[in-house]
């Protein structure tokens, strides 16, 4: 059937599922046939599409950040700082070369 982890609990509703490609067939007045919807869900690989979406990736990253402790946050801060220093140095070198060549 339909996995509640990807629907309901994550706040996804039918409004957002329109781009998933599932064409839901209505069965009488009782609404969508659950068996058909489950089969369509698997056939259209909605779970994989969801996992590849930016929305899903942001939710995973947000949950990961919320799970960090003080030491992890500190290590992350230092790693970002080191990365930014390397990038700034590379940009400065490139800028100096361009300005000496008269291209800046």
PDB file of N, CA and C in Angstrom:
ATOM      1  N   UNK A   1       0.802  -1.194   0.000  1.00  0.00           N
ATOM      2  CA  UNK A   1       0.000   0.000   0.000  1.00  0.00           C
ATOM      3  C   UNK A   1       0.841   1.252   0.000  1.00  0.00           C
ATOM      4  N   UNK A   2       0.231   2.363   0.303  1.00  0.00           N
ATOM      5  CA  UNK A   2       0.912   3.644   0.302  1.00  0.00           C
ATOM      6  C   UNK A   2       1.616   3.816   1.637  1.00  0.00           C
ATOM      7  N   UNK A   3       2.875   4.177   1.587  1.00  0.00           N
ATOM      8  CA  UNK A   3       3.699   4.325   2.769  1.00  0.00           C
ATOM      9  C   UNK A   3       3.386   5.658   3.453  1.00  0.00           C
ATOM     10  N   UNK A   4       2.981   5.602   4.714  1.00  0.00           N
ATOM     11  CA  UNK A   4       2.597   6.816   5.450  1.00  0.00           C
ATOM     12  C   UNK A   4       3.782   7.745   5.667  1.00  0.00           C
ATOM     13  N   UNK A   5       5.004   7.209   5.579  1.00  0.00           N
ATOM     14  CA  UNK A   5       6.185   8.039   5.756  1.00  0.00           C
ATOM     15  C   UNK A   5       6.276   9.104   4.664  1.00  0.00           C
ATOM     16  N   UNK A   6       5.823   8.776   3.463  1.00  0.00           N
ATOM     17  CA  UNK A   6       5.924   9.702   2.350  1.00  0.00           C
ATOM     18  C   UNK A   6       4.667  10.525   2.149  1.00  0.00           C
ATOM     19  N   UNK A   7       3.570  10.122   2.713  1.00  0.00           N
ATOM     20  CA  UNK A   7       2.354  10.903   2.634  1.00  0.00           C
ATOM     21  C   UNK A   7       2.067  11.410   4.054  1.00  0.00           C
ATOM     22  N   UNK A   8       0.925  11.903   4.337  1.00  0.00           N
ATOM     23  CA  UNK A   8       0.454  12.308   5.653  1.00  0.00           C
ATOM     24  C   UNK A   8       1.480  12.856   6.620  1.00  0.00           C
ATOM     25  N   UNK A   9       2.394  12.011   7.112  1.00  0.00           N
ATOM     26  CA  UNK A   9       3.282  12.416   8.181  1.00  0.00           C
ATOM     27  C   UNK A   9       4.248  13.515   7.750  1.00  0.00           C
ATOM     28  N   UNK A  10       4.596  13.593   6.476  1.00  0.00           N
ATOM     29  CA  UNK A  10       5.529  14.611   6.024  1.00  0.00           C
ATOM     30  C   UNK A  10       4.814  15.853   5.504  1.00  0.00           C
ATOM     31  N   UNK A  11       3.504  15.877   5.596  1.00  0.00           N
ATOM     32  CA  UNK A  11       2.759  17.051   5.199  1.00  0.00           C
ATOM     33  C   UNK A  11       2.481  17.123   3.709  1.00  0.00           C
ATOM     34  N   UNK A  12       2.697  16.040   2.996  1.00  0.00           N
ATOM     35  CA  UNK A  12       2.428  16.043   1.563  1.00  0.00           C
ATOM     36  C   UNK A  12       0.967  15.714   1.359  1.00  0.00           C
ATOM     37  N   UNK A  13       0.305  16.474   0.532  1.00  0.00           N
ATOM     38  CA  UNK A  13      -1.089  16.168   0.254  1.00  0.00           C
ATOM     39  C   UNK A  13      -1.297  16.071  -1.249  1.00  0.00           C
ATOM     40  N   UNK A  14      -2.504  15.821  -1.659  1.00  0.00           N
ATOM     41  CA  UNK A  14      -2.810  15.595  -3.067  1.00  0.00           C
ATOM     42  C   UNK A  14      -2.439  16.791  -3.933  1.00  0.00           C
ATOM     43  N   UNK A  15      -2.470  17.985  -3.357  1.00  0.00           N
ATOM     44  CA  UNK A  15      -2.135  19.189  -4.106  1.00  0.00           C
ATOM     45  C   UNK A  15      -0.714  19.099  -4.664  1.00  0.00           C
ATOM     46  N   UNK A  16       0.205  18.554  -3.871  1.00  0.00           N
ATOM     47  CA  UNK A  16       1.595  18.469  -4.273  1.00  0.00           C
ATOM     48  C   UNK A  16       1.898  17.203  -5.056  1.00  0.00           C
ATOM     49  N   UNK A  17       1.013  16.226  -5.028  1.00  0.00           N
ATOM     50  CA  UNK A  17       1.270  14.965  -5.710  1.00  0.00           C
ATOM     51  C   UNK A  17       0.920  15.029  -7.185  1.00  0.00           C
ATOM     52  N   UNK A  18       0.399  16.146  -7.652  1.00  0.00           N
ATOM     53  CA  UNK A  18       0.018  16.267  -9.050  1.00  0.00           C
ATOM     54  C   UNK A  18       1.181  16.066  -9.995  1.00  0.00           C
ATOM     55  N   UNK A  19       2.383  16.468  -9.597  1.00  0.00           N
ATOM     56  CA  UNK A  19       3.535  16.341 -10.478  1.00  0.00           C
ATOM     57  C   UNK A  19       4.164  14.965 -10.417  1.00  0.00           C
ATOM     58  N   UNK A  20       3.652  14.075  -9.590  1.00  0.00           N
ATOM     59  CA  UNK A  20       4.251  12.747  -9.458  1.00  0.00           C
ATOM     60  C   UNK A  20       3.896  11.843 -10.615  1.00  0.00           C
ATOM     61  N   UNK A  21       2.864  12.181 -11.364  1.00  0.00           N
ATOM     62  CA  UNK A  21       2.504  11.407 -12.532  1.00  0.00           C
ATOM     63  C   UNK A  21       1.467  10.330 -12.277  1.00  0.00           C
ATOM     64  N   UNK A  22       0.920  10.224 -11.075  1.00  0.00           N
ATOM     65  CA  UNK A  22      -0.090   9.208 -10.799  1.00  0.00           C
ATOM     66  C   UNK A  22      -1.437   9.715 -11.263  1.00  0.00           C
ATOM     67  N   UNK A  23      -2.091   8.942 -12.088  1.00  0.00           N
ATOM     68  CA  UNK A  23      -3.443   9.265 -12.533  1.00  0.00           C
ATOM     69  C   UNK A  23      -4.395   8.410 -11.711  1.00  0.00           C
ATOM     70  N   UNK A  24      -5.007   9.004 -10.717  1.00  0.00           N
ATOM     71  CA  UNK A  24      -5.877   8.258  -9.815  1.00  0.00           C
ATOM     72  C   UNK A  24      -7.242   8.044 -10.451  1.00  0.00           C
ATOM     73  N   UNK A  25      -7.684   6.804 -10.480  1.00  0.00           N
ATOM     74  CA  UNK A  25      -9.014   6.491 -10.980  1.00  0.00           C
ATOM     75  C   UNK A  25      -9.959   6.421  -9.779  1.00  0.00           C
ATOM     76  N   UNK A  26     -11.063   7.120  -9.861  1.00  0.00           N
ATOM     77  CA  UNK A  26     -12.027   7.105  -8.777  1.00  0.00           C
ATOM     78  C   UNK A  26     -12.979   5.940  -8.953  1.00  0.00           C
ATOM     79  N   UNK A  27     -13.252   5.260  -7.876  1.00  0.00           N
ATOM     80  CA  UNK A  27     -14.136   4.095  -7.890  1.00  0.00           C
ATOM     81  C   UNK A  27     -15.407   4.426  -7.121  1.00  0.00           C
ATOM     82  N   UNK A  28     -16.408   4.885  -7.799  1.00  0.00           N
ATOM     83  CA  UNK A  28     -17.684   5.179  -7.152  1.00  0.00           C
ATOM     84  C   UNK A  28     -17.572   6.358  -6.216  1.00  0.00           C
ATOM     85  N   UNK A  29     -18.436   6.379  -5.212  1.00  0.00           N
ATOM     86  CA  UNK A  29     -18.462   7.488  -4.264  1.00  0.00           C
ATOM     87  C   UNK A  29     -17.526   7.256  -3.085  1.00  0.00           C
ATOM     88  N   UNK A  30     -16.864   6.080  -3.031  1.00  0.00           N
ATOM     89  CA  UNK A  30     -15.996   5.776  -1.896  1.00  0.00           C
ATOM     90  C   UNK A  30     -14.603   6.373  -2.037  1.00  0.00           C
ATOM     91  N   UNK A  31     -14.306   7.026  -3.153  1.00  0.00           N
ATOM     92  CA  UNK A  31     -13.012   7.665  -3.320  1.00  0.00           C
ATOM     93  C   UNK A  31     -12.062   6.799  -4.119  1.00  0.00           C
ATOM     94  N   UNK A  32     -10.768   6.986  -3.889  1.00  0.00           N
ATOM     95  CA  UNK A  32      -9.747   6.286  -4.655  1.00  0.00           C
ATOM     96  C   UNK A  32      -9.628   4.850  -4.159  1.00  0.00           C
ATOM     97  N   UNK A  33      -9.537   3.922  -5.084  1.00  0.00           N
ATOM     98  CA  UNK A  33      -9.335   2.519  -4.762  1.00  0.00           C
ATOM     99  C   UNK A  33      -7.911   2.362  -4.226  1.00  0.00           C
ATOM    100  N   UNK A  34      -7.760   1.905  -2.987  1.00  0.00           N
ATOM    101  CA  UNK A  34      -6.453   1.818  -2.328  1.00  0.00           C
ATOM    102  C   UNK A  34      -5.530   0.848  -3.047  1.00  0.00           C
ATOM    103  N   UNK A  35      -6.068  -0.247  -3.552  1.00  0.00           N
ATOM    104  CA  UNK A  35      -5.224  -1.205  -4.258  1.00  0.00           C
ATOM    105  C   UNK A  35      -4.672  -0.596  -5.537  1.00  0.00           C
ATOM    106  N   UNK A  36      -5.527   0.101  -6.276  1.00  0.00           N
ATOM    107  CA  UNK A  36      -5.080   0.749  -7.508  1.00  0.00           C
ATOM    108  C   UNK A  36      -4.025   1.800  -7.190  1.00  0.00           C
ATOM    109  N   UNK A  37      -4.272   2.589  -6.159  1.00  0.00           N
ATOM    110  CA  UNK A  37      -3.349   3.667  -5.808  1.00  0.00           C
ATOM    111  C   UNK A  37      -2.002   3.094  -5.382  1.00  0.00           C
ATOM    112  N   UNK A  38      -2.020   2.009  -4.600  1.00  0.00           N
ATOM    113  CA  UNK A  38      -0.775   1.378  -4.179  1.00  0.00           C
ATOM    114  C   UNK A  38       0.012   0.848  -5.364  1.00  0.00           C
ATOM    115  N   UNK A  39      -0.701   0.239  -6.306  1.00  0.00           N
ATOM    116  CA  UNK A  39      -0.044  -0.292  -7.504  1.00  0.00           C
ATOM    117  C   UNK A  39       0.500   0.856  -8.349  1.00  0.00           C
ATOM    118  N   UNK A  40      -0.282   1.917  -8.515  1.00  0.00           N
ATOM    119  CA  UNK A  40       0.159   3.073  -9.285  1.00  0.00           C
ATOM    120  C   UNK A  40       1.374   3.722  -8.622  1.00  0.00           C
ATOM    121  N   UNK A  41       1.364   3.761  -7.301  1.00  0.00           N
ATOM    122  CA  UNK A  41       2.474   4.340  -6.529  1.00  0.00           C
ATOM    123  C   UNK A  41       3.763   3.604  -6.857  1.00  0.00           C
ATOM    124  N   UNK A  42       3.681   2.261  -6.852  1.00  0.00           N
ATOM    125  CA  UNK A  42       4.870   1.467  -7.139  1.00  0.00           C
ATOM    126  C   UNK A  42       5.252   1.524  -8.614  1.00  0.00           C
ATOM    127  N   UNK A  43       4.266   1.462  -9.513  1.00  0.00           N
ATOM    128  CA  UNK A  43       4.544   1.487 -10.944  1.00  0.00           C
ATOM    129  C   UNK A  43       5.201   2.795 -11.378  1.00  0.00           C
ATOM    130  N   UNK A  44       4.741   3.889 -10.798  1.00  0.00           N
ATOM    131  CA  UNK A  44       5.273   5.209 -11.156  1.00  0.00           C
ATOM    132  C   UNK A  44       6.534   5.569 -10.364  1.00  0.00           C
ATOM    133  N   UNK A  45       6.950   4.707  -9.440  1.00  0.00           N
ATOM    134  CA  UNK A  45       8.161   4.903  -8.627  1.00  0.00           C
ATOM    135  C   UNK A  45       8.141   6.252  -7.911  1.00  0.00           C
ATOM    136  N   UNK A  46       7.028   6.530  -7.272  1.00  0.00           N
ATOM    137  CA  UNK A  46       6.855   7.808  -6.579  1.00  0.00           C
ATOM    138  C   UNK A  46       7.842   7.932  -5.419  1.00  0.00           C
ATOM    139  N   UNK A  47       8.101   6.832  -4.727  1.00  0.00           N
ATOM    140  CA  UNK A  47       9.029   6.868  -3.597  1.00  0.00           C
ATOM    141  C   UNK A  47      10.414   7.299  -4.070  1.00  0.00           C
ATOM    142  N   UNK A  48      10.875   6.751  -5.202  1.00  0.00           N
ATOM    143  CA  UNK A  48      12.180   7.123  -5.731  1.00  0.00           C
ATOM    144  C   UNK A  48      12.189   8.579  -6.207  1.00  0.00           C
ATOM    145  N   UNK A  49      11.105   8.992  -6.863  1.00  0.00           N
ATOM    146  CA  UNK A  49      11.010  10.380  -7.326  1.00  0.00           C
ATOM    147  C   UNK A  49      11.043  11.334  -6.137  1.00  0.00           C
ATOM    148  N   UNK A  50      10.342  10.955  -5.068  1.00  0.00           N
ATOM    149  CA  UNK A  50      10.311  11.789  -3.867  1.00  0.00           C
ATOM    150  C   UNK A  50      11.699  11.887  -3.261  1.00  0.00           C
ATOM    151  N   UNK A  51      12.413  10.752  -3.180  1.00  0.00           N
ATOM    152  CA  UNK A  51      13.750  10.752  -2.592  1.00  0.00           C
ATOM    153  C   UNK A  51      14.719  11.625  -3.389  1.00  0.00           C
ATOM    154  N   UNK A  52      14.497  11.761  -4.690  1.00  0.00           N
ATOM    155  CA  UNK A  52      15.358  12.573  -5.540  1.00  0.00           C
ATOM    156  C   UNK A  52      14.975  14.052  -5.540  1.00  0.00           C
ATOM    157  N   UNK A  53      13.822  14.382  -5.001  1.00  0.00           N
ATOM    158  CA  UNK A  53      13.353  15.769  -5.063  1.00  0.00           C
ATOM    159  C   UNK A  53      14.114  16.659  -4.082  1.00  0.00           C
ATOM    160  N   UNK A  54      14.179  17.916  -4.412  1.00  0.00           N
ATOM    161  CA  UNK A  54      14.846  18.882  -3.544  1.00  0.00           C
ATOM    162  C   UNK A  54      14.145  19.036  -2.210  1.00  0.00           C
ATOM    163  N   UNK A  55      12.833  18.934  -2.222  1.00  0.00           N
ATOM    164  CA  UNK A  55      12.050  19.051  -0.999  1.00  0.00           C
ATOM    165  C   UNK A  55      12.438  17.946  -0.022  1.00  0.00           C
ATOM    166  N   UNK A  56      12.528  16.737  -0.515  1.00  0.00           N
ATOM    167  CA  UNK A  56      12.900  15.603   0.333  1.00  0.00           C
ATOM    168  C   UNK A  56      14.307  15.774   0.876  1.00  0.00           C
ATOM    169  N   UNK A  57      15.221  16.196   0.017  1.00  0.00           N
ATOM    170  CA  UNK A  57      16.610  16.366   0.440  1.00  0.00           C
ATOM    171  C   UNK A  57      16.732  17.439   1.515  1.00  0.00           C
ATOM    172  N   UNK A  58      15.943  18.530   1.372  1.00  0.00           N
ATOM    173  CA  UNK A  58      15.960  19.584   2.400  1.00  0.00           C
ATOM    174  C   UNK A  58      15.439  19.056   3.732  1.00  0.00           C
ATOM    175  N   UNK A  59      14.382  18.229   3.677  1.00  0.00           N
ATOM    176  CA  UNK A  59      13.830  17.674   4.917  1.00  0.00           C
ATOM    177  C   UNK A  59      14.843  16.759   5.607  1.00  0.00           C
ATOM    178  N   UNK A  60      15.549  15.956   4.832  1.00  0.00           N
ATOM    179  CA  UNK A  60      16.566  15.056   5.391  1.00  0.00           C
ATOM    180  C   UNK A  60      17.697  15.872   6.005  1.00  0.00           C
ATOM    181  N   UNK A  61      18.152  16.907   5.287  1.00  0.00           N
ATOM    182  CA  UNK A  61      19.242  17.735   5.795  1.00  0.00           C
ATOM    183  C   UNK A  61      18.825  18.482   7.059  1.00  0.00           C
ATOM    184  N   UNK A  62      17.596  18.953   7.098  1.00  0.00           N
ATOM    185  CA  UNK A  62      17.112  19.653   8.285  1.00  0.00           C
ATOM    186  C   UNK A  62      17.089  18.715   9.491  1.00  0.00           C
ATOM    187  N   UNK A  63      16.627  17.485   9.283  1.00  0.00           N
ATOM    188  CA  UNK A  63      16.589  16.506  10.364  1.00  0.00           C
ATOM    189  C   UNK A  63      18.006  16.164  10.828  1.00  0.00           C
ATOM    190  N   UNK A  64      18.926  16.073   9.879  1.00  0.00           N
ATOM    191  CA  UNK A  64      20.318  15.759  10.216  1.00  0.00           C
ATOM    192  C   UNK A  64      20.936  16.883  11.038  1.00  0.00           C
ATOM    193  N   UNK A  65      20.663  18.138  10.641  1.00  0.00           N
ATOM    194  CA  UNK A  65      21.210  19.275  11.393  1.00  0.00           C
ATOM    195  C   UNK A  65      20.636  19.345  12.799  1.00  0.00           C
ATOM    196  N   UNK A  66      19.354  19.012  12.939  1.00  0.00           N
ATOM    197  CA  UNK A  66      18.736  19.058  14.267  1.00  0.00           C
ATOM    198  C   UNK A  66      19.311  17.992  15.186  1.00  0.00           C
ATOM    199  N   UNK A  67      19.895  16.943  14.626  1.00  0.00           N
ATOM    200  CA  UNK A  67      20.462  15.865  15.437  1.00  0.00           C
ATOM    201  C   UNK A  67      21.893  16.112  15.877  1.00  0.00           C
ATOM    202  N   UNK A  68      22.496  17.232  15.458  1.00  0.00           N
ATOM    203  CA  UNK A  68      23.885  17.508  15.819  1.00  0.00           C
ATOM    204  C   UNK A  68      23.997  17.942  17.267  1.00  0.00           C
ATOM    205  N   UNK A  69      25.078  17.507  17.922  1.00  0.00           N
ATOM    206  CA  UNK A  69      25.347  17.994  19.273  1.00  0.00           C
ATOM    207  C   UNK A  69      26.338  19.155  19.183  1.00  0.00           C
ATOM    208  N   UNK A  70      26.752  19.705  20.331  1.00  0.00           N
ATOM    209  CA  UNK A  70      27.623  20.878  20.335  1.00  0.00           C
ATOM    210  C   UNK A  70      28.950  20.622  19.629  1.00  0.00           C
ATOM    211  N   UNK A  71      29.556  19.462  19.887  1.00  0.00           N
ATOM    212  CA  UNK A  71      30.841  19.150  19.272  1.00  0.00           C
ATOM    213  C   UNK A  71      30.699  19.014  17.755  1.00  0.00           C
ATOM    214  N   UNK A  72      29.629  18.384  17.309  1.00  0.00           N
ATOM    215  CA  UNK A  72      29.401  18.238  15.865  1.00  0.00           C
ATOM    216  C   UNK A  72      29.209  19.593  15.206  1.00  0.00           C
ATOM    217  N   UNK A  73      28.453  20.481  15.846  1.00  0.00           N
ATOM    218  CA  UNK A  73      28.251  21.824  15.293  1.00  0.00           C
ATOM    219  C   UNK A  73      29.570  22.590  15.235  1.00  0.00           C
ATOM    220  N   UNK A  74      30.394  22.427  16.270  1.00  0.00           N
ATOM    221  CA  UNK A  74      31.692  23.085  16.306  1.00  0.00           C
ATOM    222  C   UNK A  74      32.581  22.572  15.173  1.00  0.00           C
ATOM    223  N   UNK A  75      32.631  21.241  14.984  1.00  0.00           N
ATOM    224  CA  UNK A  75      33.449  20.662  13.919  1.00  0.00           C
ATOM    225  C   UNK A  75      32.957  21.120  12.542  1.00  0.00           C
ATOM    226  N   UNK A  76      31.640  21.205  12.379  1.00  0.00           N
ATOM    227  CA  UNK A  76      31.074  21.673  11.126  1.00  0.00           C
ATOM    228  C   UNK A  76      31.468  23.123  10.868  1.00  0.00           C
ATOM    229  N   UNK A  77      31.411  23.950  11.905  1.00  0.00           N
ATOM    230  CA  UNK A  77      31.786  25.355  11.779  1.00  0.00           C
ATOM    231  C   UNK A  77      33.251  25.473  11.353  1.00  0.00           C
ATOM    232  N   UNK A  78      34.135  24.695  11.965  1.00  0.00           N
ATOM    233  CA  UNK A  78      35.560  24.750  11.641  1.00  0.00           C
ATOM    234  C   UNK A  78      35.820  24.245  10.219  1.00  0.00           C
ATOM    235  N   UNK A  79      35.114  23.207   9.812  1.00  0.00           N
ATOM    236  CA  UNK A  79      35.280  22.673   8.462  1.00  0.00           C
ATOM    237  C   UNK A  79      34.836  23.699   7.418  1.00  0.00           C
ATOM    238  N   UNK A  80      33.703  24.371   7.676  1.00  0.00           N
ATOM    239  CA  UNK A  80      33.232  25.395   6.751  1.00  0.00           C
ATOM    240  C   UNK A  80      34.221  26.556   6.687  1.00  0.00           C
ATOM    241  N   UNK A  81      34.762  26.917   7.839  1.00  0.00           N
ATOM    242  CA  UNK A  81      35.727  28.005   7.890  1.00  0.00           C
ATOM    243  C   UNK A  81      36.974  27.651   7.079  1.00  0.00           C
ATOM    244  N   UNK A  82      37.476  26.432   7.238  1.00  0.00           N
ATOM    245  CA  UNK A  82      38.653  25.985   6.491  1.00  0.00           C
ATOM    246  C   UNK A  82      38.362  25.960   4.988  1.00  0.00           C
ATOM    247  N   UNK A  83      37.177  25.463   4.609  1.00  0.00           N
ATOM    248  CA  UNK A  83      36.790  25.435   3.198  1.00  0.00           C
ATOM    249  C   UNK A  83      36.759  26.851   2.622  1.00  0.00           C
ATOM    250  N   UNK A  84      36.167  27.787   3.369  1.00  0.00           N
ATOM    251  CA  UNK A  84      36.054  29.164   2.884  1.00  0.00           C
ATOM    252  C   UNK A  84      37.417  29.841   2.755  1.00  0.00           C
ATOM    253  N   UNK A  85      38.360  29.510   3.644  1.00  0.00           N
ATOM    254  CA  UNK A  85      39.706  30.067   3.531  1.00  0.00           C
ATOM    255  C   UNK A  85      40.400  29.559   2.275  1.00  0.00           C
ATOM    256  N   UNK A  86      40.238  28.263   1.983  1.00  0.00           N
ATOM    257  CA  UNK A  86      40.841  27.681   0.779  1.00  0.00           C
ATOM    258  C   UNK A  86      40.249  28.339  -0.466  1.00  0.00           C
ATOM    259  N   UNK A  87      38.929  28.500  -0.485  1.00  0.00           N
ATOM    260  CA  UNK A  87      38.270  29.127  -1.631  1.00  0.00           C
ATOM    261  C   UNK A  87      38.697  30.587  -1.797  1.00  0.00           C
ATOM    262  N   UNK A  88      38.767  31.324  -0.689  1.00  0.00           N
ATOM    263  CA  UNK A  88      39.151  32.738  -0.750  1.00  0.00           C
ATOM    264  C   UNK A  88      40.578  32.875  -1.270  1.00  0.00           C
ATOM    265  N   UNK A  89      41.467  31.969  -0.843  1.00  0.00           N
ATOM    266  CA  UNK A  89      42.855  32.022  -1.299  1.00  0.00           C
ATOM    267  C   UNK A  89      42.932  31.726  -2.799  1.00  0.00           C
ATOM    268  N   UNK A  90      42.174  30.727  -3.265  1.00  0.00           N
ATOM    269  CA  UNK A  90      42.174  30.385  -4.689  1.00  0.00           C
ATOM    270  C   UNK A  90      41.623  31.529  -5.528  1.00  0.00           C
ATOM    271  N   UNK A  91      40.575  32.180  -5.064  1.00  0.00           N
ATOM    272  CA  UNK A  91      39.993  33.308  -5.785  1.00  0.00           C
ATOM    273  C   UNK A  91      40.973  34.471  -5.830  1.00  0.00           C
ATOM    274  N   UNK A  92      41.674  34.723  -4.708  1.00  0.00           N
ATOM    275  CA  UNK A  92      42.638  35.821  -4.660  1.00  0.00           C
ATOM    276  C   UNK A  92      43.785  35.570  -5.625  1.00  0.00           C
ATOM    277  N   UNK A  93      44.272  34.335  -5.708  1.00  0.00           N
ATOM    278  CA  UNK A  93      45.354  33.995  -6.637  1.00  0.00           C
ATOM    279  C   UNK A  93      44.898  34.221  -8.077  1.00  0.00           C
ATOM    280  N   UNK A  94      43.717  33.737  -8.393  1.00  0.00           N
ATOM    281  CA  UNK A  94      43.172  33.895  -9.748  1.00  0.00           C
ATOM    282  C   UNK A  94      42.979  35.375 -10.083  1.00  0.00           C
ATOM    283  N   UNK A  95      42.495  36.138  -9.109  1.00  0.00           N
ATOM    284  CA  UNK A  95      42.266  37.565  -9.316  1.00  0.00           C
ATOM    285  C   UNK A  95      43.586  38.297  -9.567  1.00  0.00           C
ATOM    286  N   UNK A  96      44.628  37.954  -8.792  1.00  0.00           N
ATOM    287  CA  UNK A  96      45.925  38.580  -8.981  1.00  0.00           C
ATOM    288  C   UNK A  96      46.510  38.276 -10.363  1.00  0.00           C
ATOM    289  N   UNK A  97      46.358  37.005 -10.797  1.00  0.00           N
ATOM    290  CA  UNK A  97      46.864  36.629 -12.120  1.00  0.00           C
ATOM    291  C   UNK A  97      46.129  37.408 -13.211  1.00  0.00           C
ATOM    292  N   UNK A  98      44.839  37.541 -13.070  1.00  0.00           N
ATOM    293  CA  UNK A  98      44.037  38.251 -14.082  1.00  0.00           C
ATOM    294  C   UNK A  98      44.385  39.749 -14.095  1.00  0.00           C
ATOM    295  N   UNK A  99      44.598  40.331 -12.913  1.00  0.00           N
ATOM    296  CA  UNK A  99      44.902  41.755 -12.873  1.00  0.00           C
ATOM    297  C   UNK A  99      46.304  42.034 -13.429  1.00  0.00           C
ATOM    298  N   UNK A 100      47.255  41.117 -13.225  1.00  0.00           N
ATOM    299  CA  UNK A 100      48.600  41.293 -13.787  1.00  0.00           C
ATOM    300  C   UNK A 100      48.576  41.140 -15.309  1.00  0.00           C
ATOM    301  N   UNK A 101      47.654  40.299 -15.792  1.00  0.00           N
ATOM    302  CA  UNK A 101      47.522  40.102 -17.234  1.00  0.00           C
ATOM    303  C   UNK A 101      46.702  41.210 -17.883  1.00  0.00           C
ATOM    304  N   UNK A 102      46.160  42.114 -17.094  1.00  0.00           N
ATOM    305  CA  UNK A 102      45.399  43.230 -17.601  1.00  0.00           C
ATOM    306  C   UNK A 102      43.960  42.870 -17.981  1.00  0.00           C
ATOM    307  N   UNK A 103      43.476  41.772 -17.483  1.00  0.00           N
ATOM    308  CA  UNK A 103      42.106  41.351 -17.818  1.00  0.00           C
ATOM    309  C   UNK A 103      41.084  41.798 -16.781  1.00  0.00           C
ATOM    310  N   UNK A 104      41.566  42.428 -15.729  1.00  0.00           N
ATOM    311  CA  UNK A 104      40.629  42.902 -14.712  1.00  0.00           C
ATOM    312  C   UNK A 104      40.626  44.403 -14.640  1.00  0.00           C
TER     313      UNK A 104
END
